[in-house]
N, C-alpha and C. Protein backbone atom coordinates (compact mmCIF):
# COMPACT_ATOMS: atom_id res chain seq x y z
N MET A 1 94.48 91.87 101.61
CA MET A 1 93.54 92.80 102.03
C MET A 1 92.20 91.98 102.25
N SER A 2 91.39 92.49 103.26
CA SER A 2 90.15 91.87 103.54
C SER A 2 89.05 92.93 103.73
N TYR A 3 87.84 92.61 103.64
CA TYR A 3 86.75 93.49 103.95
C TYR A 3 85.47 92.77 104.40
N SER A 4 84.57 93.61 104.83
CA SER A 4 83.31 93.06 105.32
C SER A 4 82.13 93.91 104.79
N VAL A 5 80.92 93.42 104.97
CA VAL A 5 79.82 94.22 104.54
C VAL A 5 78.75 94.31 105.72
N ASP A 6 77.91 95.24 105.59
CA ASP A 6 76.87 95.41 106.62
C ASP A 6 75.62 94.43 106.26
N VAL A 7 74.88 94.24 107.31
CA VAL A 7 73.78 93.22 107.20
C VAL A 7 72.79 93.66 106.05
N ASN A 8 72.70 94.97 105.91
CA ASN A 8 71.80 95.43 104.86
C ASN A 8 72.00 94.92 103.45
N LEU A 9 73.32 94.81 103.14
CA LEU A 9 73.60 94.23 101.85
C LEU A 9 73.00 92.82 101.70
N LEU A 10 73.20 91.99 102.64
CA LEU A 10 72.66 90.57 102.55
C LEU A 10 71.15 90.68 102.57
N VAL A 11 70.57 91.53 103.32
CA VAL A 11 69.03 91.49 103.36
C VAL A 11 68.55 92.07 101.97
N PHE A 12 69.09 93.08 101.35
CA PHE A 12 68.70 93.59 100.10
C PHE A 12 68.82 92.45 99.05
N ALA A 13 69.89 91.62 99.09
CA ALA A 13 70.14 90.52 98.05
C ALA A 13 69.03 89.49 98.19
N SER A 14 68.42 89.35 99.34
CA SER A 14 67.43 88.28 99.61
C SER A 14 66.03 88.90 99.49
N ASN A 15 65.73 90.04 99.33
CA ASN A 15 64.50 90.69 99.31
C ASN A 15 63.90 90.71 97.90
N GLU A 16 63.28 89.63 97.65
CA GLU A 16 62.66 89.43 96.24
C GLU A 16 61.82 90.65 95.84
N GLY A 17 62.12 91.13 94.68
CA GLY A 17 61.20 92.21 94.22
C GLY A 17 61.65 93.61 94.64
N SER A 18 62.62 93.79 95.55
CA SER A 18 62.95 95.09 96.00
C SER A 18 63.86 95.87 94.95
N ALA A 19 63.83 97.07 94.98
CA ALA A 19 64.66 97.94 94.08
C ALA A 19 66.08 97.73 94.25
N GLU A 20 66.57 97.33 95.39
CA GLU A 20 67.95 97.13 95.64
C GLU A 20 68.49 95.78 95.40
N GLN A 21 67.58 94.72 95.15
CA GLN A 21 67.97 93.38 95.02
C GLN A 21 69.04 93.07 93.96
N SER A 22 68.78 93.66 92.80
CA SER A 22 69.61 93.38 91.69
C SER A 22 71.05 93.96 91.92
N ARG A 23 71.23 95.10 92.36
CA ARG A 23 72.50 95.61 92.67
C ARG A 23 73.33 94.89 93.80
N ALA A 24 72.47 94.49 94.85
CA ALA A 24 73.16 93.70 95.99
C ALA A 24 73.62 92.44 95.45
N LYS A 25 72.71 91.61 94.71
CA LYS A 25 73.09 90.35 94.21
C LYS A 25 74.26 90.41 93.28
N THR A 26 74.36 91.49 92.45
CA THR A 26 75.46 91.63 91.53
C THR A 26 76.75 91.78 92.32
N PHE A 27 76.68 92.71 93.35
CA PHE A 27 77.84 93.00 94.11
C PHE A 27 78.38 91.66 94.80
N LEU A 28 77.42 90.82 95.38
CA LEU A 28 77.95 89.64 96.03
C LEU A 28 78.42 88.57 94.94
N GLU A 29 77.77 88.59 93.84
CA GLU A 29 78.34 87.62 92.72
C GLU A 29 79.67 88.04 92.29
N GLU A 30 79.91 89.36 92.27
CA GLU A 30 81.32 89.80 91.81
C GLU A 30 82.37 89.48 92.88
N ARG A 31 82.00 89.22 94.09
CA ARG A 31 82.91 88.87 95.07
C ARG A 31 83.64 87.57 94.72
N GLN A 32 83.01 86.68 93.97
CA GLN A 32 83.54 85.40 93.57
C GLN A 32 84.90 85.58 92.69
N ARG A 33 85.00 86.71 92.11
CA ARG A 33 86.15 87.06 91.20
C ARG A 33 87.14 87.81 92.03
N ASP A 34 86.81 88.29 93.21
CA ASP A 34 87.69 89.18 93.94
C ASP A 34 88.74 88.44 94.67
N PRO A 35 90.03 88.69 94.49
CA PRO A 35 91.06 88.01 95.21
C PRO A 35 91.19 88.29 96.67
N ASP A 36 90.60 89.47 97.10
CA ASP A 36 90.62 89.80 98.52
C ASP A 36 89.68 88.93 99.38
N LEU A 37 90.01 88.81 100.66
CA LEU A 37 89.21 88.02 101.59
C LEU A 37 87.94 88.75 101.96
N PHE A 38 86.78 88.12 101.73
CA PHE A 38 85.50 88.64 102.12
C PHE A 38 85.12 88.07 103.47
N CYS A 39 84.92 88.96 104.46
CA CYS A 39 84.59 88.46 105.75
C CYS A 39 83.27 88.79 106.26
N LEU A 40 82.59 87.74 106.91
CA LEU A 40 81.23 88.03 107.47
C LEU A 40 81.42 87.85 108.90
N THR A 41 80.83 88.78 109.72
CA THR A 41 80.96 88.71 111.20
C THR A 41 79.64 87.99 111.62
N TRP A 42 79.77 87.46 112.80
CA TRP A 42 78.67 86.79 113.43
C TRP A 42 77.49 87.83 113.72
N PRO A 43 77.65 89.04 114.18
CA PRO A 43 76.63 89.99 114.28
C PRO A 43 75.86 90.21 112.99
N VAL A 44 76.58 90.22 111.92
CA VAL A 44 75.94 90.46 110.63
C VAL A 44 75.13 89.17 110.15
N LEU A 45 75.68 88.00 110.44
CA LEU A 45 75.03 86.82 110.03
C LEU A 45 73.77 86.69 110.94
N CYS A 46 73.86 86.89 112.30
CA CYS A 46 72.72 86.79 113.15
C CYS A 46 71.51 87.81 112.81
N GLY A 47 72.05 89.04 112.50
CA GLY A 47 71.11 90.13 112.18
C GLY A 47 70.40 89.71 110.84
N TYR A 48 71.08 89.17 109.86
CA TYR A 48 70.47 88.73 108.61
C TYR A 48 69.39 87.69 109.04
N GLN A 49 69.74 86.62 109.69
CA GLN A 49 68.82 85.54 110.13
C GLN A 49 67.63 86.15 110.79
N ARG A 50 67.75 87.04 111.66
CA ARG A 50 66.58 87.58 112.32
C ARG A 50 65.66 88.43 111.52
N ILE A 51 66.28 89.20 110.58
CA ILE A 51 65.51 90.13 109.73
C ILE A 51 64.75 89.28 108.63
N VAL A 52 65.44 88.45 107.89
CA VAL A 52 64.74 87.82 106.78
C VAL A 52 63.86 86.72 107.13
N THR A 53 63.78 86.32 108.46
CA THR A 53 62.81 85.25 108.81
C THR A 53 61.61 85.87 109.57
N HIS A 54 61.64 87.20 109.74
CA HIS A 54 60.62 87.78 110.46
C HIS A 54 59.37 88.31 109.52
N PRO A 55 58.20 87.78 109.86
CA PRO A 55 57.04 88.09 109.01
C PRO A 55 56.58 89.64 109.05
N SER A 56 56.99 90.28 110.12
CA SER A 56 56.65 91.78 110.18
C SER A 56 57.50 92.54 109.36
N ILE A 57 58.66 92.04 108.92
CA ILE A 57 59.67 92.75 108.05
C ILE A 57 59.58 92.37 106.67
N PHE A 58 59.59 91.11 106.45
CA PHE A 58 59.57 90.59 105.00
C PHE A 58 58.03 90.10 104.69
N ARG A 59 57.64 90.52 103.51
CA ARG A 59 56.36 90.00 103.01
C ARG A 59 56.31 88.63 102.96
N ASN A 60 57.35 88.04 102.31
CA ASN A 60 57.47 86.56 102.23
C ASN A 60 58.72 86.07 103.03
N PRO A 61 58.68 86.06 104.30
CA PRO A 61 59.98 85.71 105.08
C PRO A 61 60.47 84.34 104.74
N LEU A 62 61.76 84.09 104.80
CA LEU A 62 62.35 82.87 104.51
C LEU A 62 62.23 82.03 105.86
N ASP A 63 62.18 80.70 105.68
CA ASP A 63 62.20 79.83 106.78
C ASP A 63 63.68 79.86 107.31
N PRO A 64 64.00 79.50 108.57
CA PRO A 64 65.36 79.62 108.98
C PRO A 64 66.27 78.76 108.26
N GLY A 65 65.95 77.62 107.77
CA GLY A 65 66.80 76.70 106.98
C GLY A 65 67.22 77.46 105.68
N GLN A 66 66.24 78.08 105.00
CA GLN A 66 66.51 78.76 103.76
C GLN A 66 67.44 79.98 104.05
N ALA A 67 67.16 80.69 105.07
CA ALA A 67 68.00 81.80 105.47
C ALA A 67 69.43 81.43 105.67
N TRP A 68 69.68 80.29 106.43
CA TRP A 68 71.02 79.84 106.82
C TRP A 68 71.71 79.43 105.39
N ALA A 69 71.00 78.65 104.63
CA ALA A 69 71.68 78.20 103.40
C ALA A 69 72.07 79.43 102.46
N LYS A 70 71.33 80.47 102.48
CA LYS A 70 71.58 81.60 101.57
C LYS A 70 72.88 82.35 102.07
N LYS A 71 73.13 82.37 103.33
CA LYS A 71 74.21 83.10 103.87
C LYS A 71 75.61 82.34 104.02
N LYS A 72 75.52 81.08 103.69
CA LYS A 72 76.78 80.29 103.69
C LYS A 72 77.74 80.79 102.68
N CYS A 73 79.02 80.79 103.07
CA CYS A 73 80.05 81.20 102.14
C CYS A 73 80.15 80.12 101.03
N ARG A 74 80.07 80.51 99.78
CA ARG A 74 80.11 79.52 98.66
C ARG A 74 81.55 79.30 98.37
N SER A 75 81.74 78.04 98.01
CA SER A 75 83.05 77.66 97.34
C SER A 75 83.11 78.10 95.86
N GLY A 76 84.05 77.76 95.09
CA GLY A 76 84.07 78.12 93.72
C GLY A 76 84.77 79.40 93.51
N GLY A 77 85.82 79.66 94.16
CA GLY A 77 86.62 80.79 94.00
C GLY A 77 86.38 81.93 94.93
N MET A 78 85.31 82.00 95.72
CA MET A 78 85.00 83.08 96.62
C MET A 78 85.81 82.80 97.93
N ARG A 79 86.61 83.76 98.15
CA ARG A 79 87.46 83.75 99.53
C ARG A 79 86.72 84.42 100.49
N CYS A 80 85.92 83.53 101.32
CA CYS A 80 85.08 84.01 102.31
C CYS A 80 85.37 83.45 103.69
N ARG A 81 85.36 84.12 104.80
CA ARG A 81 85.45 83.59 106.05
C ARG A 81 84.51 84.26 107.11
N THR A 82 84.02 83.52 107.99
CA THR A 82 83.32 84.03 109.09
C THR A 82 84.23 84.42 110.15
N ARG A 83 84.24 85.65 110.65
CA ARG A 83 85.10 86.13 111.62
C ARG A 83 84.51 85.96 113.01
N THR A 84 85.25 85.48 113.96
CA THR A 84 84.83 85.36 115.32
C THR A 84 85.33 86.65 116.14
N TRP A 85 84.39 87.19 116.85
CA TRP A 85 84.70 88.25 117.73
C TRP A 85 85.61 87.81 118.92
N ARG A 86 86.57 88.53 119.23
CA ARG A 86 87.46 88.22 120.36
C ARG A 86 87.82 89.57 121.02
N PRO A 87 87.55 89.64 122.30
CA PRO A 87 87.82 90.85 123.07
C PRO A 87 89.34 91.36 122.86
N PHE A 88 89.56 92.57 122.78
CA PHE A 88 90.94 93.09 122.57
C PHE A 88 91.96 92.65 123.72
N TYR A 89 91.45 92.25 124.85
CA TYR A 89 92.31 91.87 125.94
C TYR A 89 92.53 90.40 125.94
N ASP A 90 91.98 89.72 124.99
CA ASP A 90 92.18 88.32 124.86
C ASP A 90 93.65 87.99 124.50
N SER A 91 94.33 87.21 125.34
CA SER A 91 95.80 86.91 125.07
C SER A 91 96.08 85.68 124.33
N THR A 92 94.97 85.05 123.75
CA THR A 92 95.19 83.71 123.08
C THR A 92 95.53 83.88 121.55
N GLY A 93 95.71 85.10 121.08
CA GLY A 93 96.15 85.19 119.77
C GLY A 93 95.60 86.42 119.12
């Protein structure tokens, strides 16, 4: 089985001091013990990068390098993959 999350969960986990941060971080940390495959799509990753680095959205925006480092799939038991979008008519697999 596999699953994915919305960009908001990643944003909540990075938003220092927000009411949602603790629950979002806990959820993501628990994924390390989950045997199912955790998938992140490129639209979610790009949306995360755009939101957390934008000074009009975050009080203390991350610099692009920090944002990219935070969203990398960690090793150490977490089964995480970045999924590539492919049109349904693509015959390559």
